[in-house]
């Protein structure tokens, strides 16, 4: 009988309910917190990639002639713009594409950093929409990709690859030429 009374008192005692509830909810809240933090980081990396892709393309579109030194500087600037994220998985590509009178789009020159980014080589025929590249004109294509690795693999276990492509019309000439000097 004494044991039944103790057991009854134990079931009616509510002093530890909030601690038990917290113990059940805390892991979910912590996972949610880290998930939101990781999502924010990934979005920041994606925005930086967009910014650097448009920026390096814009600088090329403002030139009349692109030199080796300028290309090296642009790819260095791209890496700086990606910081504080590590630039080891950053891939960049700058391409000049010209369309002839019949609308055939051909790569005039191509420069890439940290290789394969499906960057077309010089002389390759590509298909650019007429709304972007009308016949008889040229355009600068700036491409970049970035592989984002989550710090918390429980939240985002796989690598996310962000890709951006921008098309910019040359501003100071009909076409940006490439010089090796």
N, C-alpha and C. Protein backbone atom coordinates (compact mmCIF):
# COMPACT_ATOMS: atom_id res chain seq x y z
N UNK A 1 0.81 -1.18 0.00
CA UNK A 1 0.00 0.00 0.00
C UNK A 1 0.87 1.26 0.00
N UNK A 2 1.90 1.18 0.78
CA UNK A 2 2.83 2.31 0.83
C UNK A 2 3.44 2.58 -0.56
N UNK A 3 3.73 1.51 -1.31
CA UNK A 3 4.30 1.63 -2.63
C UNK A 3 3.30 2.23 -3.62
N UNK A 4 2.05 1.90 -3.50
CA UNK A 4 1.01 2.43 -4.37
C UNK A 4 0.86 3.93 -4.17
N UNK A 5 0.92 4.37 -2.94
CA UNK A 5 0.82 5.79 -2.64
C UNK A 5 2.00 6.56 -3.23
N UNK A 6 3.18 6.00 -3.12
CA UNK A 6 4.37 6.66 -3.67
C UNK A 6 4.29 6.75 -5.20
N UNK A 7 3.83 5.67 -5.79
CA UNK A 7 3.69 5.65 -7.24
C UNK A 7 2.64 6.66 -7.70
N UNK A 8 1.59 6.77 -6.98
CA UNK A 8 0.52 7.73 -7.29
C UNK A 8 1.05 9.16 -7.17
N UNK A 9 1.81 9.42 -6.14
CA UNK A 9 2.39 10.75 -5.95
C UNK A 9 3.40 11.08 -7.07
N UNK A 10 4.13 10.07 -7.50
CA UNK A 10 5.10 10.26 -8.58
C UNK A 10 4.39 10.68 -9.88
N UNK A 11 3.28 10.05 -10.20
CA UNK A 11 2.56 10.36 -11.44
C UNK A 11 1.91 11.73 -11.39
N UNK A 12 1.57 12.22 -10.25
CA UNK A 12 0.93 13.54 -10.14
C UNK A 12 1.94 14.68 -10.04
N UNK A 13 3.17 14.37 -9.74
CA UNK A 13 4.20 15.40 -9.59
C UNK A 13 4.54 16.01 -10.96
N UNK A 14 4.44 17.32 -11.09
CA UNK A 14 4.66 18.03 -12.37
C UNK A 14 5.93 18.90 -12.36
N UNK A 15 6.78 18.73 -11.41
CA UNK A 15 7.94 19.61 -11.30
C UNK A 15 8.94 19.45 -12.44
N UNK A 16 9.10 18.31 -13.05
CA UNK A 16 10.10 18.10 -14.08
C UNK A 16 9.55 18.12 -15.50
N UNK A 17 8.29 18.50 -15.65
CA UNK A 17 7.67 18.47 -16.97
C UNK A 17 8.37 19.40 -17.95
N UNK A 18 8.67 20.60 -17.56
CA UNK A 18 9.30 21.56 -18.48
C UNK A 18 10.70 21.10 -18.88
N UNK A 19 11.43 20.45 -17.98
CA UNK A 19 12.75 19.94 -18.33
C UNK A 19 12.65 18.83 -19.36
N UNK A 20 11.67 17.97 -19.20
CA UNK A 20 11.47 16.89 -20.16
C UNK A 20 11.04 17.45 -21.51
N UNK A 21 10.13 18.41 -21.51
CA UNK A 21 9.69 19.03 -22.76
C UNK A 21 10.86 19.70 -23.48
N UNK A 22 11.68 20.41 -22.70
CA UNK A 22 12.84 21.06 -23.30
C UNK A 22 13.79 20.02 -23.90
N UNK A 23 14.01 18.92 -23.21
CA UNK A 23 14.90 17.87 -23.70
C UNK A 23 14.38 17.27 -25.01
N UNK A 24 13.08 17.23 -25.18
CA UNK A 24 12.50 16.69 -26.41
C UNK A 24 12.54 17.70 -27.56
N UNK A 25 12.38 18.97 -27.27
CA UNK A 25 12.30 20.01 -28.29
C UNK A 25 13.68 20.57 -28.66
N UNK A 26 14.62 20.60 -27.74
CA UNK A 26 15.94 21.21 -27.97
C UNK A 26 16.66 20.68 -29.20
N UNK A 27 16.75 19.37 -29.43
CA UNK A 27 17.48 18.91 -30.63
C UNK A 27 16.86 19.43 -31.94
N UNK A 28 15.55 19.50 -31.99
CA UNK A 28 14.88 20.00 -33.19
C UNK A 28 15.19 21.49 -33.37
N UNK A 29 15.15 22.26 -32.31
CA UNK A 29 15.45 23.69 -32.39
C UNK A 29 16.90 23.94 -32.77
N UNK A 30 17.80 23.15 -32.24
CA UNK A 30 19.22 23.31 -32.56
C UNK A 30 19.47 22.97 -34.03
N UNK A 31 18.87 21.89 -34.51
CA UNK A 31 19.00 21.53 -35.92
C UNK A 31 18.40 22.62 -36.81
N UNK A 32 17.28 23.17 -36.44
CA UNK A 32 16.66 24.26 -37.18
C UNK A 32 17.57 25.48 -37.22
N UNK A 33 18.17 25.82 -36.09
CA UNK A 33 19.08 26.96 -36.01
C UNK A 33 20.27 26.78 -36.96
N UNK A 34 20.92 25.62 -36.88
CA UNK A 34 22.07 25.37 -37.75
C UNK A 34 21.65 25.31 -39.21
N UNK A 35 20.47 24.79 -39.49
CA UNK A 35 19.96 24.75 -40.85
C UNK A 35 19.77 26.15 -41.42
N UNK A 36 19.19 27.03 -40.64
CA UNK A 36 18.99 28.41 -41.10
C UNK A 36 20.33 29.13 -41.27
N UNK A 37 21.26 28.90 -40.37
CA UNK A 37 22.59 29.51 -40.50
C UNK A 37 23.29 29.01 -41.76
N UNK A 38 23.18 27.72 -42.03
CA UNK A 38 23.82 27.14 -43.22
C UNK A 38 23.14 27.63 -44.50
N UNK A 39 21.84 27.74 -44.48
CA UNK A 39 21.11 28.26 -45.64
C UNK A 39 21.53 29.70 -45.94
N UNK A 40 21.69 30.50 -44.90
CA UNK A 40 22.13 31.88 -45.06
C UNK A 40 23.54 31.94 -45.65
N UNK A 41 24.43 31.09 -45.17
CA UNK A 41 25.80 31.04 -45.71
C UNK A 41 25.79 30.67 -47.19
N UNK A 42 24.99 29.67 -47.55
CA UNK A 42 24.93 29.23 -48.94
C UNK A 42 24.38 30.35 -49.83
N UNK A 43 23.37 31.07 -49.34
CA UNK A 43 22.82 32.19 -50.12
C UNK A 43 23.85 33.30 -50.28
N UNK A 44 24.65 33.55 -49.26
CA UNK A 44 25.71 34.56 -49.37
C UNK A 44 26.75 34.15 -50.41
N UNK A 45 27.12 32.88 -50.43
CA UNK A 45 28.08 32.39 -51.42
C UNK A 45 27.51 32.54 -52.83
N UNK A 46 26.24 32.24 -52.98
CA UNK A 46 25.60 32.36 -54.29
C UNK A 46 25.54 33.82 -54.75
N UNK A 47 25.25 34.74 -53.84
CA UNK A 47 25.21 36.16 -54.19
C UNK A 47 26.60 36.68 -54.55
N UNK A 48 27.62 36.24 -53.83
CA UNK A 48 28.99 36.66 -54.15
C UNK A 48 29.39 36.15 -55.53
N UNK A 49 29.00 34.92 -55.86
CA UNK A 49 29.30 34.38 -57.18
C UNK A 49 28.62 35.20 -58.27
N UNK A 50 27.37 35.57 -58.07
CA UNK A 50 26.66 36.40 -59.04
C UNK A 50 27.37 37.74 -59.21
N UNK A 51 27.75 38.33 -58.10
CA UNK A 51 28.42 39.64 -58.14
C UNK A 51 29.75 39.56 -58.88
N UNK A 52 30.56 38.56 -58.56
CA UNK A 52 31.88 38.48 -59.20
C UNK A 52 31.74 38.16 -60.68
N UNK A 53 30.77 37.32 -61.06
CA UNK A 53 30.58 36.98 -62.47
C UNK A 53 30.20 38.21 -63.28
N UNK A 54 29.25 38.99 -62.76
CA UNK A 54 28.85 40.20 -63.49
C UNK A 54 29.96 41.24 -63.48
N UNK A 55 30.71 41.33 -62.40
CA UNK A 55 31.77 42.34 -62.30
C UNK A 55 32.92 42.09 -63.27
N UNK A 56 33.41 40.85 -63.34
CA UNK A 56 34.54 40.60 -64.25
C UNK A 56 34.08 40.72 -65.71
N UNK A 57 32.86 40.33 -66.00
CA UNK A 57 32.34 40.50 -67.35
C UNK A 57 32.16 41.96 -67.71
N UNK A 58 31.72 42.74 -66.75
CA UNK A 58 31.51 44.17 -66.98
C UNK A 58 32.84 44.89 -67.25
N UNK A 59 33.87 44.52 -66.52
CA UNK A 59 35.18 45.14 -66.74
C UNK A 59 35.69 44.82 -68.15
N UNK A 60 35.52 43.58 -68.59
CA UNK A 60 35.96 43.21 -69.94
C UNK A 60 35.15 43.96 -70.99
N UNK A 61 33.85 44.08 -70.77
CA UNK A 61 32.99 44.79 -71.72
C UNK A 61 33.34 46.27 -71.83
N UNK A 62 34.02 46.82 -70.85
CA UNK A 62 34.43 48.22 -70.89
C UNK A 62 35.79 48.42 -71.55
N UNK A 63 36.46 47.32 -71.87
CA UNK A 63 37.77 47.40 -72.54
C UNK A 63 37.60 47.33 -74.06
N UNK A 64 38.64 47.82 -74.75
CA UNK A 64 38.69 47.64 -76.20
C UNK A 64 39.60 46.47 -76.54
N UNK A 65 40.64 46.30 -75.70
CA UNK A 65 41.61 45.23 -75.91
C UNK A 65 41.92 44.59 -74.56
N UNK A 66 41.89 43.26 -74.52
CA UNK A 66 42.17 42.53 -73.29
C UNK A 66 43.56 41.92 -73.37
N UNK A 67 44.40 42.21 -72.37
CA UNK A 67 45.78 41.71 -72.35
C UNK A 67 45.94 40.58 -71.34
N UNK A 68 47.07 39.88 -71.39
CA UNK A 68 47.36 38.82 -70.43
C UNK A 68 47.35 39.34 -69.00
N UNK A 69 47.96 40.50 -68.80
CA UNK A 69 48.02 41.08 -67.46
C UNK A 69 46.61 41.39 -66.94
N UNK A 70 45.77 41.91 -67.82
CA UNK A 70 44.39 42.25 -67.43
C UNK A 70 43.60 40.99 -67.07
N UNK A 71 43.80 39.93 -67.84
CA UNK A 71 43.11 38.66 -67.56
C UNK A 71 43.53 38.14 -66.19
N UNK A 72 44.84 38.15 -65.91
CA UNK A 72 45.34 37.69 -64.61
C UNK A 72 44.74 38.53 -63.48
N UNK A 73 44.69 39.84 -63.69
CA UNK A 73 44.11 40.73 -62.68
C UNK A 73 42.63 40.44 -62.46
N UNK A 74 41.89 40.21 -63.53
CA UNK A 74 40.45 39.95 -63.41
C UNK A 74 40.19 38.66 -62.65
N UNK A 75 40.96 37.63 -62.92
CA UNK A 75 40.76 36.37 -62.19
C UNK A 75 41.18 36.51 -60.73
N UNK A 76 42.18 37.32 -60.45
CA UNK A 76 42.57 37.59 -59.06
C UNK A 76 41.47 38.36 -58.33
N UNK A 77 40.90 39.34 -59.01
CA UNK A 77 39.80 40.11 -58.43
C UNK A 77 38.61 39.20 -58.15
N UNK A 78 38.34 38.28 -59.06
CA UNK A 78 37.25 37.33 -58.85
C UNK A 78 37.44 36.53 -57.59
N UNK A 79 38.66 36.09 -57.33
CA UNK A 79 38.94 35.33 -56.11
C UNK A 79 38.76 36.20 -54.87
N UNK A 80 39.17 37.46 -54.96
CA UNK A 80 39.01 38.37 -53.83
C UNK A 80 37.52 38.64 -53.56
N UNK A 81 36.75 38.81 -54.63
CA UNK A 81 35.32 39.07 -54.46
C UNK A 81 34.59 37.89 -53.84
N UNK A 82 35.13 36.70 -53.95
CA UNK A 82 34.48 35.52 -53.37
C UNK A 82 34.74 35.40 -51.88
N UNK A 83 35.74 36.11 -51.36
CA UNK A 83 36.05 36.00 -49.94
C UNK A 83 34.89 36.51 -49.09
N UNK A 84 34.68 35.98 -47.93
CA UNK A 84 35.53 35.12 -47.12
C UNK A 84 35.42 33.64 -47.42
N UNK A 85 34.72 33.28 -48.49
CA UNK A 85 34.59 31.87 -48.86
C UNK A 85 35.87 31.42 -49.55
N UNK A 86 36.30 30.19 -49.34
CA UNK A 86 37.52 29.71 -49.99
C UNK A 86 37.34 29.68 -51.51
N UNK A 87 38.35 30.15 -52.23
CA UNK A 87 38.26 30.27 -53.69
C UNK A 87 38.81 29.05 -54.41
N UNK A 88 39.14 27.99 -53.68
CA UNK A 88 39.74 26.82 -54.32
C UNK A 88 38.80 26.15 -55.32
N UNK A 89 37.50 26.20 -55.09
CA UNK A 89 36.56 25.56 -56.02
C UNK A 89 35.90 26.56 -56.97
N UNK A 90 36.41 27.78 -57.00
CA UNK A 90 35.88 28.81 -57.89
C UNK A 90 36.43 28.61 -59.30
N UNK A 91 35.55 28.58 -60.28
CA UNK A 91 35.93 28.44 -61.68
C UNK A 91 35.35 29.63 -62.45
N UNK A 92 36.21 30.28 -63.26
CA UNK A 92 35.78 31.46 -64.01
C UNK A 92 36.14 31.31 -65.48
N UNK A 93 35.34 31.96 -66.31
CA UNK A 93 35.53 31.87 -67.76
C UNK A 93 35.08 33.18 -68.39
N UNK A 94 35.91 33.74 -69.27
CA UNK A 94 35.58 34.94 -70.04
C UNK A 94 35.68 34.59 -71.51
N UNK A 95 34.63 34.92 -72.26
CA UNK A 95 34.57 34.53 -73.67
C UNK A 95 34.05 35.69 -74.49
N UNK A 96 34.66 35.90 -75.67
CA UNK A 96 34.14 36.86 -76.63
C UNK A 96 33.50 36.05 -77.76
N UNK A 97 32.24 36.36 -78.04
CA UNK A 97 31.49 35.64 -79.08
C UNK A 97 31.03 36.66 -80.11
N UNK A 98 31.27 36.36 -81.38
CA UNK A 98 30.84 37.23 -82.48
C UNK A 98 29.87 36.47 -83.36
N UNK A 99 28.86 37.18 -83.83
CA UNK A 99 27.87 36.60 -84.73
C UNK A 99 28.09 37.19 -86.13
N UNK A 100 28.14 36.32 -87.13
CA UNK A 100 28.32 36.84 -88.50
C UNK A 100 26.97 37.30 -89.06
N UNK A 101 26.97 37.73 -90.30
CA UNK A 101 25.75 38.27 -90.93
C UNK A 101 24.63 37.24 -91.02
N UNK A 102 24.97 35.97 -91.05
CA UNK A 102 23.94 34.92 -91.12
C UNK A 102 23.48 34.47 -89.73
N UNK A 103 24.06 35.02 -88.67
CA UNK A 103 23.67 34.66 -87.31
C UNK A 103 24.41 33.49 -86.71
N UNK A 104 25.53 33.07 -87.33
CA UNK A 104 26.36 31.98 -86.79
C UNK A 104 27.26 32.56 -85.70
N UNK A 105 27.13 32.04 -84.48
CA UNK A 105 27.87 32.55 -83.32
C UNK A 105 29.15 31.74 -83.12
N UNK A 106 30.29 32.44 -83.18
CA UNK A 106 31.59 31.78 -83.08
C UNK A 106 32.39 32.43 -81.95
N UNK A 107 33.08 31.60 -81.17
CA UNK A 107 33.94 32.09 -80.09
C UNK A 107 35.20 32.67 -80.70
N UNK A 108 35.45 33.96 -80.42
CA UNK A 108 36.64 34.65 -80.94
C UNK A 108 37.84 34.35 -80.05
N UNK A 109 37.69 34.50 -78.75
CA UNK A 109 38.72 34.15 -77.79
C UNK A 109 38.07 33.69 -76.49
N UNK A 110 38.83 32.94 -75.71
CA UNK A 110 38.31 32.37 -74.47
C UNK A 110 39.43 32.29 -73.44
N UNK A 111 39.13 32.69 -72.23
CA UNK A 111 40.09 32.61 -71.12
C UNK A 111 39.38 31.97 -69.94
N UNK A 112 40.09 31.06 -69.24
CA UNK A 112 39.48 30.41 -68.09
C UNK A 112 40.46 30.31 -66.93
N UNK A 113 39.89 30.21 -65.76
CA UNK A 113 40.67 30.08 -64.53
C UNK A 113 40.15 28.86 -63.77
N UNK A 114 41.06 28.03 -63.33
CA UNK A 114 40.73 26.83 -62.56
C UNK A 114 39.90 25.86 -63.38
N UNK A 115 40.23 25.77 -64.62
CA UNK A 115 39.66 24.92 -65.67
C UNK A 115 38.26 24.34 -65.47
N UNK A 116 37.98 23.14 -65.90
CA UNK A 116 36.76 22.81 -66.63
C UNK A 116 35.47 23.41 -66.10
N UNK A 117 34.95 24.33 -66.84
CA UNK A 117 33.67 24.97 -66.52
C UNK A 117 32.85 25.00 -67.80
N UNK A 118 32.98 23.99 -68.62
CA UNK A 118 32.36 23.96 -69.94
C UNK A 118 32.52 25.30 -70.65
N UNK A 119 33.73 25.80 -70.56
CA UNK A 119 34.10 27.07 -71.20
C UNK A 119 34.45 26.78 -72.65
N UNK A 120 33.71 27.36 -73.60
CA UNK A 120 33.99 27.05 -75.01
C UNK A 120 35.35 27.58 -75.45
N UNK A 121 36.01 26.84 -76.32
CA UNK A 121 37.33 27.23 -76.83
C UNK A 121 37.18 28.16 -78.03
N UNK A 122 38.26 28.87 -78.33
CA UNK A 122 38.26 29.75 -79.51
C UNK A 122 37.97 28.94 -80.75
N UNK A 123 37.11 29.48 -81.60
CA UNK A 123 36.74 28.82 -82.83
C UNK A 123 35.49 27.96 -82.71
N UNK A 124 35.06 27.68 -81.50
CA UNK A 124 33.87 26.85 -81.30
C UNK A 124 32.61 27.60 -81.73
N UNK A 125 31.67 26.87 -82.27
CA UNK A 125 30.38 27.45 -82.64
C UNK A 125 29.44 27.23 -81.47
N UNK A 126 28.82 28.31 -81.01
CA UNK A 126 27.90 28.24 -79.88
C UNK A 126 26.54 28.78 -80.31
N UNK A 127 25.55 28.50 -79.51
CA UNK A 127 24.20 28.95 -79.84
C UNK A 127 23.74 29.95 -78.78
N UNK A 128 23.78 31.22 -79.14
CA UNK A 128 23.36 32.30 -78.25
C UNK A 128 22.02 32.83 -78.78
N UNK A 129 21.05 33.03 -77.90
CA UNK A 129 19.75 33.55 -78.38
C UNK A 129 19.91 34.88 -79.13
N UNK A 130 19.13 35.07 -80.18
CA UNK A 130 19.20 36.27 -81.01
C UNK A 130 18.88 37.51 -80.18
N UNK A 131 18.07 37.37 -79.16
CA UNK A 131 17.75 38.52 -78.31
C UNK A 131 18.98 39.01 -77.54
N UNK A 132 19.94 38.11 -77.32
CA UNK A 132 21.18 38.47 -76.62
C UNK A 132 22.26 38.88 -77.61
N UNK A 133 22.38 38.16 -78.72
CA UNK A 133 23.42 38.41 -79.70
C UNK A 133 22.82 38.45 -81.11
N UNK A 134 22.42 39.64 -81.57
CA UNK A 134 21.89 39.75 -82.93
C UNK A 134 22.99 39.52 -83.97
N UNK A 135 22.59 39.17 -85.17
CA UNK A 135 23.54 38.92 -86.27
C UNK A 135 24.41 40.16 -86.51
N UNK A 136 25.70 39.92 -86.73
CA UNK A 136 26.64 41.00 -87.02
C UNK A 136 27.18 41.73 -85.80
N UNK A 137 26.91 41.25 -84.60
CA UNK A 137 27.38 41.91 -83.38
C UNK A 137 28.22 40.95 -82.55
N UNK A 138 28.74 41.45 -81.43
CA UNK A 138 29.52 40.60 -80.53
C UNK A 138 29.04 40.80 -79.10
N UNK A 139 29.43 39.85 -78.25
CA UNK A 139 29.04 39.91 -76.85
C UNK A 139 30.15 39.26 -76.02
N UNK A 140 30.26 39.71 -74.78
CA UNK A 140 31.18 39.10 -73.82
C UNK A 140 30.34 38.20 -72.92
N UNK A 141 30.76 36.94 -72.82
CA UNK A 141 30.09 36.01 -71.92
C UNK A 141 31.00 35.78 -70.72
N UNK A 142 30.45 35.99 -69.55
CA UNK A 142 31.18 35.77 -68.31
C UNK A 142 30.48 34.64 -67.57
N UNK A 143 31.24 33.58 -67.27
CA UNK A 143 30.68 32.42 -66.58
C UNK A 143 31.50 32.12 -65.34
N UNK A 144 30.83 31.63 -64.31
CA UNK A 144 31.54 31.21 -63.10
C UNK A 144 30.72 30.12 -62.41
N UNK A 145 31.43 29.26 -61.71
CA UNK A 145 30.76 28.26 -60.88
C UNK A 145 31.52 28.16 -59.56
N UNK A 146 30.79 27.74 -58.54
CA UNK A 146 31.38 27.62 -57.20
C UNK A 146 30.78 26.41 -56.51
N UNK A 147 31.63 25.60 -55.91
CA UNK A 147 31.18 24.44 -55.15
C UNK A 147 31.17 24.79 -53.68
N UNK A 148 29.97 24.79 -53.11
CA UNK A 148 29.80 25.15 -51.70
C UNK A 148 29.71 23.89 -50.86
N UNK A 149 30.57 23.79 -49.87
CA UNK A 149 30.55 22.67 -48.93
C UNK A 149 30.09 23.15 -47.57
N UNK A 150 29.08 22.51 -47.04
CA UNK A 150 28.52 22.88 -45.75
C UNK A 150 29.48 22.51 -44.62
N UNK A 151 29.52 23.36 -43.61
CA UNK A 151 30.30 23.04 -42.42
C UNK A 151 29.59 21.97 -41.60
N UNK A 152 28.27 21.94 -41.68
CA UNK A 152 27.46 20.99 -40.91
C UNK A 152 26.86 19.98 -41.89
N UNK A 153 27.53 18.86 -42.04
CA UNK A 153 27.09 17.85 -43.01
C UNK A 153 25.73 17.25 -42.65
N UNK A 154 25.30 17.38 -41.41
CA UNK A 154 23.98 16.87 -41.03
C UNK A 154 22.88 17.72 -41.66
N UNK A 155 23.18 18.98 -41.95
CA UNK A 155 22.19 19.89 -42.51
C UNK A 155 22.19 19.79 -44.04
N UNK A 156 23.36 19.98 -44.66
CA UNK A 156 23.49 19.88 -46.13
C UNK A 156 24.64 18.90 -46.39
N UNK A 157 24.32 17.61 -46.57
CA UNK A 157 25.39 16.62 -46.69
C UNK A 157 26.16 16.66 -48.01
N UNK A 158 25.53 17.07 -49.09
CA UNK A 158 26.21 17.05 -50.39
C UNK A 158 26.74 18.44 -50.74
N UNK A 159 27.67 18.47 -51.70
CA UNK A 159 28.22 19.72 -52.20
C UNK A 159 27.21 20.38 -53.12
N UNK A 160 26.99 21.67 -52.93
CA UNK A 160 26.10 22.44 -53.80
C UNK A 160 26.95 23.17 -54.83
N UNK A 161 26.57 23.09 -56.09
CA UNK A 161 27.31 23.80 -57.13
C UNK A 161 26.44 24.92 -57.67
N UNK A 162 26.93 26.13 -57.52
CA UNK A 162 26.23 27.32 -58.04
C UNK A 162 26.88 27.71 -59.36
N UNK A 163 26.05 28.09 -60.34
CA UNK A 163 26.55 28.51 -61.65
C UNK A 163 25.90 29.82 -62.06
N UNK A 164 26.68 30.69 -62.68
CA UNK A 164 26.16 31.95 -63.18
C UNK A 164 26.76 32.24 -64.55
N UNK A 165 25.95 32.81 -65.43
CA UNK A 165 26.39 33.24 -66.76
C UNK A 165 25.80 34.60 -67.04
N UNK A 166 26.64 35.52 -67.50
CA UNK A 166 26.19 36.86 -67.86
C UNK A 166 26.68 37.18 -69.27
N UNK A 167 25.85 37.89 -70.02
CA UNK A 167 26.20 38.35 -71.36
C UNK A 167 26.21 39.87 -71.33
N UNK A 168 27.32 40.46 -71.78
CA UNK A 168 27.45 41.91 -71.77
C UNK A 168 27.93 42.40 -73.13
N UNK A 169 27.33 43.46 -73.62
CA UNK A 169 27.73 44.05 -74.91
C UNK A 169 28.97 44.92 -74.69
N UNK A 170 29.95 44.84 -75.60
CA UNK A 170 31.11 45.74 -75.50
C UNK A 170 30.64 47.19 -75.57
N UNK A 171 31.25 48.06 -74.77
CA UNK A 171 30.78 49.43 -74.67
C UNK A 171 31.59 50.42 -75.50
N UNK A 172 32.89 50.18 -75.64
CA UNK A 172 33.76 51.17 -76.29
C UNK A 172 34.13 50.81 -77.72
N UNK A 173 33.77 49.62 -78.14
CA UNK A 173 34.07 49.18 -79.50
C UNK A 173 33.05 48.11 -79.89
N UNK A 174 33.09 47.73 -81.16
CA UNK A 174 32.17 46.69 -81.63
C UNK A 174 32.50 45.34 -81.03
N UNK A 175 33.81 45.13 -80.76
CA UNK A 175 34.25 43.85 -80.23
C UNK A 175 35.50 44.06 -79.38
N UNK A 176 35.61 43.34 -78.28
CA UNK A 176 36.80 43.39 -77.43
C UNK A 176 37.81 42.42 -78.02
N UNK A 177 38.96 42.94 -78.40
CA UNK A 177 40.00 42.09 -78.99
C UNK A 177 40.90 41.54 -77.91
N UNK A 178 41.63 40.48 -78.24
CA UNK A 178 42.52 39.82 -77.28
C UNK A 178 43.95 40.00 -77.73
N UNK A 179 44.79 40.51 -76.84
CA UNK A 179 46.20 40.73 -77.13
C UNK A 179 47.03 39.95 -76.12
N UNK A 180 48.09 39.32 -76.56
CA UNK A 180 48.93 38.52 -75.66
C UNK A 180 49.97 39.36 -74.92
N UNK A 181 50.02 40.64 -75.13
CA UNK A 181 51.02 41.49 -74.47
C UNK A 181 50.49 42.10 -73.22
